């Protein structure tokens, strides 16, 4: 398996190709920027290696504990972590569940201390759903960027393993 440094170098080396390809296809600088930022976020912090002790996990600093259940749920390099589409979907859903879990815990704490909830979870989910629908092209662009970052990671792993054999 390539080191985190190798993954980072490959990710940064491919960034101009990703951005250039995006601009060539869309002719839209805003979409290209969104896709490029999503790609580099995916490559550096949201890769398939969140299921092991890795450079990507360590980049979450004091929040890296949120990935502990993820590590326990999935075997390294499974289709749920390294699958380009499925792995990305799983990580997005997992992170969404963690955020909602934090909101619920925050409400419990607030309810205990102040006697009232801070966030209406149902309203938060409904508003989030509406924002996603209203901005579906941006959301799709972000998701494609995340998948390209995942593809870069998984392809680097695959090629590294193939050359070692």
N, C-alpha and C. Protein backbone atom coordinates (compact mmCIF):
# COMPACT_ATOMS: atom_id res chain seq x y z
N UNK A 1 0.85 -1.17 0.00
CA UNK A 1 0.00 0.00 0.00
C UNK A 1 0.89 1.24 0.00
N UNK A 2 0.61 2.19 -0.86
CA UNK A 2 1.43 3.40 -0.90
C UNK A 2 1.28 4.22 0.38
N UNK A 3 2.32 4.97 0.69
CA UNK A 3 2.27 5.81 1.89
C UNK A 3 1.34 7.00 1.67
N UNK A 4 1.01 7.67 2.76
CA UNK A 4 0.20 8.88 2.67
C UNK A 4 0.87 9.94 1.82
N UNK A 5 2.22 10.00 1.89
CA UNK A 5 2.95 10.98 1.08
C UNK A 5 2.77 10.71 -0.41
N UNK A 6 2.80 9.43 -0.78
CA UNK A 6 2.60 9.08 -2.19
C UNK A 6 1.20 9.46 -2.64
N UNK A 7 0.21 9.14 -1.82
CA UNK A 7 -1.17 9.52 -2.16
C UNK A 7 -1.29 11.03 -2.32
N UNK A 8 -0.66 11.78 -1.43
CA UNK A 8 -0.72 13.24 -1.51
C UNK A 8 -0.07 13.74 -2.80
N UNK A 9 1.09 13.21 -3.12
CA UNK A 9 1.79 13.64 -4.34
C UNK A 9 0.96 13.35 -5.58
N UNK A 10 0.37 12.15 -5.64
CA UNK A 10 -0.47 11.79 -6.78
C UNK A 10 -1.67 12.73 -6.85
N UNK A 11 -2.28 13.00 -5.71
CA UNK A 11 -3.46 13.87 -5.67
C UNK A 11 -3.15 15.27 -6.18
N UNK A 12 -2.04 15.84 -5.72
CA UNK A 12 -1.66 17.19 -6.17
C UNK A 12 -1.21 17.18 -7.62
N UNK A 13 -0.56 16.10 -8.04
CA UNK A 13 -0.13 16.00 -9.44
C UNK A 13 -1.34 15.93 -10.37
N UNK A 14 -2.40 15.27 -9.93
CA UNK A 14 -3.59 15.13 -10.77
C UNK A 14 -4.52 16.34 -10.72
N UNK A 15 -4.34 17.22 -9.73
CA UNK A 15 -5.23 18.37 -9.57
C UNK A 15 -5.34 19.23 -10.84
N UNK A 16 -4.24 19.57 -11.51
CA UNK A 16 -4.39 20.36 -12.74
C UNK A 16 -5.18 19.61 -13.82
N UNK A 17 -5.00 18.30 -13.89
CA UNK A 17 -5.74 17.49 -14.86
C UNK A 17 -7.23 17.47 -14.51
N UNK A 18 -7.54 17.32 -13.23
CA UNK A 18 -8.94 17.33 -12.77
C UNK A 18 -9.57 18.69 -13.07
N UNK A 19 -8.88 19.75 -12.68
CA UNK A 19 -9.42 21.11 -12.90
C UNK A 19 -9.53 21.41 -14.40
N UNK A 20 -8.49 21.08 -15.13
CA UNK A 20 -8.51 21.33 -16.58
C UNK A 20 -9.60 20.53 -17.27
N UNK A 21 -9.74 19.28 -16.90
CA UNK A 21 -10.79 18.44 -17.48
C UNK A 21 -12.17 18.96 -17.15
N UNK A 22 -12.34 19.40 -15.90
CA UNK A 22 -13.62 19.95 -15.48
C UNK A 22 -13.96 21.21 -16.28
N UNK A 23 -12.98 22.09 -16.42
CA UNK A 23 -13.23 23.33 -17.15
C UNK A 23 -13.50 23.05 -18.63
N UNK A 24 -12.77 22.09 -19.18
CA UNK A 24 -12.97 21.72 -20.59
C UNK A 24 -14.40 21.20 -20.81
N UNK A 25 -14.89 20.38 -19.88
CA UNK A 25 -16.23 19.79 -20.01
C UNK A 25 -17.33 20.81 -19.72
N UNK A 26 -17.14 21.63 -18.68
CA UNK A 26 -18.23 22.53 -18.24
C UNK A 26 -18.10 23.95 -18.76
N UNK A 27 -16.89 24.38 -19.05
CA UNK A 27 -16.62 25.78 -19.42
C UNK A 27 -17.16 26.73 -18.34
N UNK A 28 -17.09 26.28 -17.09
CA UNK A 28 -17.65 27.04 -15.96
C UNK A 28 -16.62 27.06 -14.83
N UNK A 29 -16.08 28.23 -14.55
CA UNK A 29 -15.02 28.36 -13.55
C UNK A 29 -15.54 28.05 -12.15
N UNK A 30 -16.80 28.41 -11.86
CA UNK A 30 -17.38 28.13 -10.53
C UNK A 30 -17.49 26.62 -10.31
N UNK A 31 -18.04 25.91 -11.30
CA UNK A 31 -18.16 24.45 -11.17
C UNK A 31 -16.78 23.81 -11.08
N UNK A 32 -15.84 24.31 -11.85
CA UNK A 32 -14.48 23.78 -11.81
C UNK A 32 -13.86 23.97 -10.43
N UNK A 33 -14.07 25.14 -9.84
CA UNK A 33 -13.55 25.40 -8.49
C UNK A 33 -14.17 24.48 -7.46
N UNK A 34 -15.50 24.31 -7.53
CA UNK A 34 -16.20 23.44 -6.58
C UNK A 34 -15.72 22.00 -6.73
N UNK A 35 -15.61 21.54 -7.96
CA UNK A 35 -15.16 20.17 -8.20
C UNK A 35 -13.73 19.98 -7.72
N UNK A 36 -12.87 20.95 -7.99
CA UNK A 36 -11.46 20.84 -7.60
C UNK A 36 -11.28 20.83 -6.09
N UNK A 37 -12.01 21.69 -5.38
CA UNK A 37 -11.93 21.71 -3.92
C UNK A 37 -12.47 20.41 -3.34
N UNK A 38 -13.57 19.91 -3.90
CA UNK A 38 -14.14 18.63 -3.44
C UNK A 38 -13.16 17.49 -3.68
N UNK A 39 -12.52 17.51 -4.84
CA UNK A 39 -11.53 16.48 -5.18
C UNK A 39 -10.38 16.48 -4.18
N UNK A 40 -9.82 17.65 -3.91
CA UNK A 40 -8.64 17.70 -3.04
C UNK A 40 -9.03 17.40 -1.59
N UNK A 41 -10.23 17.82 -1.16
CA UNK A 41 -10.73 17.45 0.17
C UNK A 41 -10.85 15.94 0.26
N UNK A 42 -11.43 15.32 -0.76
CA UNK A 42 -11.60 13.87 -0.77
C UNK A 42 -10.25 13.18 -0.71
N UNK A 43 -9.32 13.65 -1.52
CA UNK A 43 -8.00 13.01 -1.59
C UNK A 43 -7.23 13.16 -0.28
N UNK A 44 -7.33 14.31 0.36
CA UNK A 44 -6.52 14.57 1.55
C UNK A 44 -7.20 14.16 2.86
N UNK A 45 -8.54 14.24 2.92
CA UNK A 45 -9.20 14.05 4.21
C UNK A 45 -10.37 13.07 4.19
N UNK A 46 -10.79 12.63 3.04
CA UNK A 46 -12.04 11.87 2.95
C UNK A 46 -11.85 10.59 2.14
N UNK A 47 -10.65 10.05 2.19
CA UNK A 47 -10.32 8.90 1.34
C UNK A 47 -10.73 7.57 1.98
N UNK A 48 -10.51 6.52 1.23
CA UNK A 48 -10.78 5.18 1.71
C UNK A 48 -9.93 4.78 2.91
N UNK A 49 -8.86 5.49 3.17
CA UNK A 49 -7.98 5.13 4.28
C UNK A 49 -8.44 5.66 5.64
N UNK A 50 -9.65 6.16 5.71
CA UNK A 50 -10.20 6.56 7.00
C UNK A 50 -10.54 5.33 7.84
N UNK A 51 -10.42 4.14 7.24
CA UNK A 51 -10.71 2.90 7.97
C UNK A 51 -9.46 2.32 8.64
N UNK A 52 -8.34 3.04 8.59
CA UNK A 52 -7.10 2.62 9.25
C UNK A 52 -6.44 3.85 9.88
N UNK A 53 -5.39 3.61 10.67
CA UNK A 53 -4.58 4.75 11.13
C UNK A 53 -3.82 5.27 9.93
N UNK A 54 -4.11 6.48 9.55
CA UNK A 54 -3.52 7.00 8.32
C UNK A 54 -3.33 8.51 8.41
N UNK A 55 -2.63 9.02 7.44
CA UNK A 55 -2.43 10.46 7.34
C UNK A 55 -3.78 11.17 7.20
N UNK A 56 -4.68 10.57 6.42
CA UNK A 56 -6.00 11.16 6.22
C UNK A 56 -6.76 11.24 7.54
N UNK A 57 -6.72 10.18 8.33
CA UNK A 57 -7.39 10.18 9.62
C UNK A 57 -6.78 11.24 10.53
N UNK A 58 -5.47 11.32 10.56
CA UNK A 58 -4.78 12.28 11.44
C UNK A 58 -5.09 13.73 11.07
N UNK A 59 -5.43 13.97 9.83
CA UNK A 59 -5.75 15.34 9.41
C UNK A 59 -7.05 15.85 10.05
N UNK A 60 -7.84 14.95 10.60
CA UNK A 60 -9.06 15.36 11.28
C UNK A 60 -8.76 15.89 12.68
N UNK A 61 -7.48 15.84 13.07
CA UNK A 61 -7.01 16.36 14.36
C UNK A 61 -7.89 15.89 15.52
N UNK A 62 -8.44 16.82 16.29
CA UNK A 62 -9.21 16.46 17.49
C UNK A 62 -10.55 15.80 17.14
N UNK A 63 -10.95 15.81 15.88
CA UNK A 63 -12.19 15.15 15.47
C UNK A 63 -11.96 13.74 14.90
N UNK A 64 -10.72 13.28 14.90
CA UNK A 64 -10.46 11.97 14.30
C UNK A 64 -11.18 10.83 15.02
N UNK A 65 -11.58 11.07 16.26
CA UNK A 65 -12.31 10.03 17.00
C UNK A 65 -13.63 9.67 16.31
N UNK A 66 -14.16 10.56 15.49
CA UNK A 66 -15.44 10.26 14.84
C UNK A 66 -15.33 9.10 13.85
N UNK A 67 -14.11 8.79 13.43
CA UNK A 67 -13.91 7.72 12.45
C UNK A 67 -13.67 6.37 13.12
N UNK A 68 -13.62 6.30 14.44
CA UNK A 68 -13.38 5.03 15.12
C UNK A 68 -14.47 4.00 14.80
N UNK A 69 -15.76 4.34 14.92
CA UNK A 69 -16.79 3.34 14.54
C UNK A 69 -16.68 2.91 13.07
N UNK A 70 -16.34 3.85 12.21
CA UNK A 70 -16.16 3.55 10.78
C UNK A 70 -15.06 2.49 10.60
N UNK A 71 -13.96 2.66 11.32
CA UNK A 71 -12.86 1.70 11.25
C UNK A 71 -13.30 0.31 11.70
N UNK A 72 -14.15 0.28 12.72
CA UNK A 72 -14.60 -1.00 13.27
C UNK A 72 -15.66 -1.66 12.38
N UNK A 73 -16.40 -0.86 11.63
CA UNK A 73 -17.48 -1.39 10.78
C UNK A 73 -16.96 -2.04 9.51
N UNK A 74 -15.84 -1.54 8.98
CA UNK A 74 -15.42 -1.97 7.65
C UNK A 74 -14.00 -2.51 7.65
N UNK A 75 -13.80 -3.54 6.86
CA UNK A 75 -12.49 -4.12 6.64
C UNK A 75 -11.74 -3.21 5.66
N UNK A 76 -10.44 -3.04 5.87
CA UNK A 76 -9.66 -2.16 4.99
C UNK A 76 -9.70 -2.66 3.55
N UNK A 77 -9.82 -1.72 2.66
CA UNK A 77 -9.90 -1.94 1.22
C UNK A 77 -11.15 -2.71 0.79
N UNK A 78 -12.18 -2.68 1.62
CA UNK A 78 -13.44 -3.31 1.21
C UNK A 78 -14.14 -2.40 0.20
N UNK A 79 -15.17 -2.91 -0.45
CA UNK A 79 -15.91 -2.09 -1.42
C UNK A 79 -16.62 -0.93 -0.71
N UNK A 80 -16.81 -1.05 0.61
CA UNK A 80 -17.47 0.01 1.37
C UNK A 80 -16.52 1.15 1.72
N UNK A 81 -15.23 0.92 1.61
CA UNK A 81 -14.26 1.98 1.89
C UNK A 81 -13.51 2.41 0.63
N UNK A 82 -13.18 1.48 -0.23
CA UNK A 82 -12.39 1.79 -1.41
C UNK A 82 -13.19 1.75 -2.71
N UNK A 83 -14.46 1.41 -2.64
CA UNK A 83 -15.30 1.49 -3.83
C UNK A 83 -15.49 2.95 -4.19
N UNK A 84 -15.27 3.28 -5.45
CA UNK A 84 -15.31 4.69 -5.87
C UNK A 84 -16.68 5.30 -5.59
N UNK A 85 -17.73 4.67 -6.03
CA UNK A 85 -19.08 5.20 -5.82
C UNK A 85 -19.60 4.80 -4.45
N UNK A 86 -19.60 3.50 -4.16
CA UNK A 86 -20.14 3.01 -2.90
C UNK A 86 -19.36 3.55 -1.70
N UNK A 87 -18.05 3.56 -1.79
CA UNK A 87 -17.23 4.08 -0.70
C UNK A 87 -17.52 5.55 -0.41
N UNK A 88 -17.68 6.33 -1.47
CA UNK A 88 -18.00 7.75 -1.31
C UNK A 88 -19.38 7.92 -0.67
N UNK A 89 -20.35 7.16 -1.16
CA UNK A 89 -21.70 7.23 -0.59
C UNK A 89 -21.67 6.86 0.89
N UNK A 90 -20.96 5.78 1.23
CA UNK A 90 -20.88 5.33 2.62
C UNK A 90 -20.26 6.41 3.49
N UNK A 91 -19.17 7.03 3.04
CA UNK A 91 -18.52 8.07 3.86
C UNK A 91 -19.42 9.30 4.03
N UNK A 92 -20.11 9.70 2.96
CA UNK A 92 -21.03 10.85 3.06
C UNK A 92 -22.16 10.53 4.04
N UNK A 93 -22.75 9.35 3.91
CA UNK A 93 -23.84 8.96 4.83
C UNK A 93 -23.33 8.83 6.26
N UNK A 94 -22.15 8.26 6.42
CA UNK A 94 -21.57 8.11 7.75
C UNK A 94 -21.35 9.49 8.39
N UNK A 95 -20.72 10.41 7.65
CA UNK A 95 -20.45 11.74 8.20
C UNK A 95 -21.76 12.47 8.49
N UNK A 96 -22.76 12.29 7.65
CA UNK A 96 -24.08 12.87 7.90
C UNK A 96 -24.66 12.34 9.20
N UNK A 97 -24.55 11.04 9.41
CA UNK A 97 -25.06 10.42 10.64
C UNK A 97 -24.30 10.95 11.86
N UNK A 98 -23.01 11.15 11.73
CA UNK A 98 -22.21 11.69 12.84
C UNK A 98 -22.67 13.11 13.17
N UNK A 99 -22.89 13.93 12.15
CA UNK A 99 -23.33 15.31 12.38
C UNK A 99 -24.69 15.32 13.08
N UNK A 100 -25.61 14.49 12.60
CA UNK A 100 -26.93 14.41 13.23
C UNK A 100 -26.80 13.88 14.66
N UNK A 101 -25.90 12.93 14.87
CA UNK A 101 -25.64 12.42 16.22
C UNK A 101 -25.15 13.51 17.15
N UNK A 102 -24.23 14.36 16.66
CA UNK A 102 -23.75 15.49 17.47
C UNK A 102 -24.88 16.46 17.79
N UNK A 103 -25.77 16.70 16.83
CA UNK A 103 -26.90 17.59 17.08
C UNK A 103 -27.83 17.01 18.15
N UNK A 104 -28.06 15.71 18.07
CA UNK A 104 -28.90 15.06 19.08
C UNK A 104 -28.25 15.14 20.46
N UNK A 105 -26.95 14.85 20.53
CA UNK A 105 -26.23 14.95 21.81
C UNK A 105 -26.26 16.39 22.34
N UNK A 106 -26.08 17.35 21.43
CA UNK A 106 -26.14 18.76 21.83
C UNK A 106 -27.51 19.11 22.40
N UNK A 107 -28.55 18.59 21.76
CA UNK A 107 -29.91 18.83 22.26
C UNK A 107 -30.11 18.20 23.63
N UNK A 108 -29.62 16.98 23.81
CA UNK A 108 -29.75 16.31 25.11
C UNK A 108 -29.04 17.11 26.20
N UNK A 109 -27.84 17.55 25.89
CA UNK A 109 -27.06 18.34 26.85
C UNK A 109 -27.77 19.67 27.16
N UNK A 110 -28.21 20.35 26.10
CA UNK A 110 -28.91 21.63 26.26
C UNK A 110 -30.21 21.46 27.04
N UNK A 111 -30.92 20.40 26.74
CA UNK A 111 -32.18 20.11 27.43
C UNK A 111 -31.92 19.86 28.92
N UNK A 112 -30.84 19.16 29.21
CA UNK A 112 -30.49 18.86 30.61
C UNK A 112 -30.07 20.12 31.35
N UNK A 113 -29.25 20.96 30.72
CA UNK A 113 -28.70 22.16 31.38
C UNK A 113 -29.71 23.32 31.38
N UNK A 114 -30.31 23.59 30.20
CA UNK A 114 -31.15 24.78 30.05
C UNK A 114 -32.65 24.48 29.98
N UNK A 115 -32.98 23.21 29.88
CA UNK A 115 -34.39 22.84 29.81
C UNK A 115 -35.03 23.04 28.46
N UNK A 116 -34.21 23.24 27.43
CA UNK A 116 -34.77 23.37 26.08
C UNK A 116 -33.74 22.90 25.05
N UNK A 117 -34.26 22.49 23.89
CA UNK A 117 -33.39 22.04 22.80
C UNK A 117 -32.90 23.25 22.01
N UNK A 118 -31.71 23.13 21.48
CA UNK A 118 -31.11 24.20 20.70
C UNK A 118 -31.50 24.10 19.23
N UNK A 119 -31.55 22.88 18.72
CA UNK A 119 -31.80 22.65 17.30
C UNK A 119 -33.02 21.76 17.14
N UNK A 120 -33.91 22.16 16.25
CA UNK A 120 -35.04 21.31 15.87
C UNK A 120 -34.51 20.36 14.79
N UNK A 121 -34.22 19.12 15.17
CA UNK A 121 -33.58 18.15 14.27
C UNK A 121 -34.42 17.92 13.01
N UNK A 122 -35.72 17.74 13.19
CA UNK A 122 -36.59 17.51 12.02
C UNK A 122 -36.53 18.70 11.06
N UNK A 123 -36.54 19.90 11.60
CA UNK A 123 -36.47 21.11 10.77
C UNK A 123 -35.10 21.19 10.09
N UNK A 124 -34.05 20.84 10.84
CA UNK A 124 -32.69 20.84 10.27
C UNK A 124 -32.61 19.89 9.08
N UNK A 125 -33.14 18.68 9.23
CA UNK A 125 -33.11 17.69 8.15
C UNK A 125 -33.95 18.18 6.97
N UNK A 126 -35.13 18.72 7.25
CA UNK A 126 -36.00 19.23 6.19
C UNK A 126 -35.34 20.38 5.43
N UNK A 127 -34.75 21.32 6.16
CA UNK A 127 -34.05 22.44 5.53
C UNK A 127 -32.86 21.96 4.71
N UNK A 128 -32.12 20.99 5.26
CA UNK A 128 -30.97 20.42 4.54
C UNK A 128 -31.42 19.76 3.25
N UNK A 129 -32.51 19.01 3.33
CA UNK A 129 -33.06 18.36 2.14
C UNK A 129 -33.44 19.40 1.09
N UNK A 130 -34.09 20.47 1.51
CA UNK A 130 -34.49 21.54 0.58
C UNK A 130 -33.28 22.22 -0.05
N UNK A 131 -32.25 22.47 0.75
CA UNK A 131 -31.03 23.09 0.23
C UNK A 131 -30.38 22.18 -0.80
N UNK A 132 -30.35 20.88 -0.52
CA UNK A 132 -29.76 19.92 -1.45
C UNK A 132 -30.54 19.91 -2.76
N UNK A 133 -31.85 19.90 -2.68
CA UNK A 133 -32.69 19.87 -3.88
C UNK A 133 -32.53 21.16 -4.68
N UNK A 134 -32.56 22.31 -4.00
CA UNK A 134 -32.44 23.61 -4.67
C UNK A 134 -31.07 23.81 -5.31
N UNK A 135 -30.06 23.15 -4.77
CA UNK A 135 -28.69 23.29 -5.27
C UNK A 135 -28.16 21.96 -5.80
N UNK A 136 -29.02 21.22 -6.46
CA UNK A 136 -28.68 19.86 -6.88
C UNK A 136 -27.46 19.82 -7.80
N UNK A 137 -27.29 20.82 -8.67
CA UNK A 137 -26.13 20.80 -9.57
C UNK A 137 -24.83 20.97 -8.77
N UNK A 138 -24.84 21.84 -7.78
CA UNK A 138 -23.65 22.03 -6.94
C UNK A 138 -23.39 20.76 -6.13
N UNK A 139 -24.45 20.18 -5.56
CA UNK A 139 -24.31 18.95 -4.78
C UNK A 139 -23.74 17.83 -5.65
N UNK A 140 -24.24 17.72 -6.88
CA UNK A 140 -23.72 16.70 -7.80
C UNK A 140 -22.26 16.96 -8.12
N UNK A 141 -21.90 18.22 -8.34
CA UNK A 141 -20.51 18.57 -8.62
C UNK A 141 -19.61 18.20 -7.44
N UNK A 142 -20.07 18.49 -6.23
CA UNK A 142 -19.30 18.13 -5.03
C UNK A 142 -19.14 16.61 -4.97
N UNK A 143 -20.22 15.88 -5.20
CA UNK A 143 -20.16 14.42 -5.13
C UNK A 143 -19.21 13.86 -6.18
N UNK A 144 -19.24 14.41 -7.38
CA UNK A 144 -18.32 13.95 -8.44
C UNK A 144 -16.88 14.23 -8.02
N UNK A 145 -16.62 15.40 -7.44
CA UNK A 145 -15.27 15.70 -6.95
C UNK A 145 -14.83 14.72 -5.87
N UNK A 146 -15.75 14.39 -4.96
CA UNK A 146 -15.43 13.40 -3.92
C UNK A 146 -15.12 12.04 -4.54
N UNK A 147 -15.90 11.67 -5.56
CA UNK A 147 -15.66 10.37 -6.21
C UNK A 147 -14.34 10.36 -6.97
N UNK A 148 -13.99 11.45 -7.61
CA UNK A 148 -12.71 11.50 -8.33
C UNK A 148 -11.55 11.39 -7.34
N UNK A 149 -11.69 12.02 -6.18
CA UNK A 149 -10.67 11.87 -5.13
C UNK A 149 -10.56 10.44 -4.66
N UNK A 150 -11.71 9.78 -4.53
CA UNK A 150 -11.73 8.37 -4.14
C UNK A 150 -11.11 7.50 -5.23
N UNK A 151 -11.42 7.82 -6.48
CA UNK A 151 -10.85 7.08 -7.61
C UNK A 151 -9.33 7.23 -7.63
N UNK A 152 -8.86 8.44 -7.42
CA UNK A 152 -7.41 8.69 -7.38
C UNK A 152 -6.75 7.83 -6.31
N UNK A 153 -7.37 7.79 -5.14
CA UNK A 153 -6.83 7.00 -4.03
C UNK A 153 -6.83 5.50 -4.36
N UNK A 154 -7.97 4.99 -4.79
CA UNK A 154 -8.10 3.55 -5.06
C UNK A 154 -7.23 3.12 -6.23
N UNK A 155 -7.14 3.97 -7.26
CA UNK A 155 -6.31 3.65 -8.42
C UNK A 155 -4.83 3.62 -8.03
N UNK A 156 -4.43 4.54 -7.17
CA UNK A 156 -3.04 4.54 -6.69
C UNK A 156 -2.75 3.26 -5.91
N UNK A 157 -3.68 2.86 -5.05
CA UNK A 157 -3.53 1.60 -4.31
C UNK A 157 -3.42 0.42 -5.27
N UNK A 158 -4.32 0.36 -6.25
CA UNK A 158 -4.36 -0.75 -7.19
C UNK A 158 -3.06 -0.82 -8.01
N UNK A 159 -2.64 0.32 -8.54
CA UNK A 159 -1.42 0.33 -9.36
C UNK A 159 -0.19 -0.01 -8.53
N UNK A 160 -0.13 0.49 -7.32
CA UNK A 160 1.00 0.19 -6.44
C UNK A 160 1.06 -1.32 -6.17
N UNK A 161 -0.08 -1.93 -5.88
CA UNK A 161 -0.13 -3.37 -5.62
C UNK A 161 0.23 -4.17 -6.88
N UNK A 162 -0.26 -3.72 -8.02
CA UNK A 162 0.02 -4.42 -9.29
C UNK A 162 1.51 -4.39 -9.61
N UNK A 163 2.16 -3.23 -9.41
CA UNK A 163 3.58 -3.12 -9.72
C UNK A 163 4.43 -3.90 -8.72
N UNK A 164 3.96 -4.05 -7.50
CA UNK A 164 4.71 -4.81 -6.50
C UNK A 164 4.70 -6.30 -6.83
N UNK A 165 3.62 -6.77 -7.47
CA UNK A 165 3.53 -8.18 -7.84
C UNK A 165 4.41 -8.39 -9.03
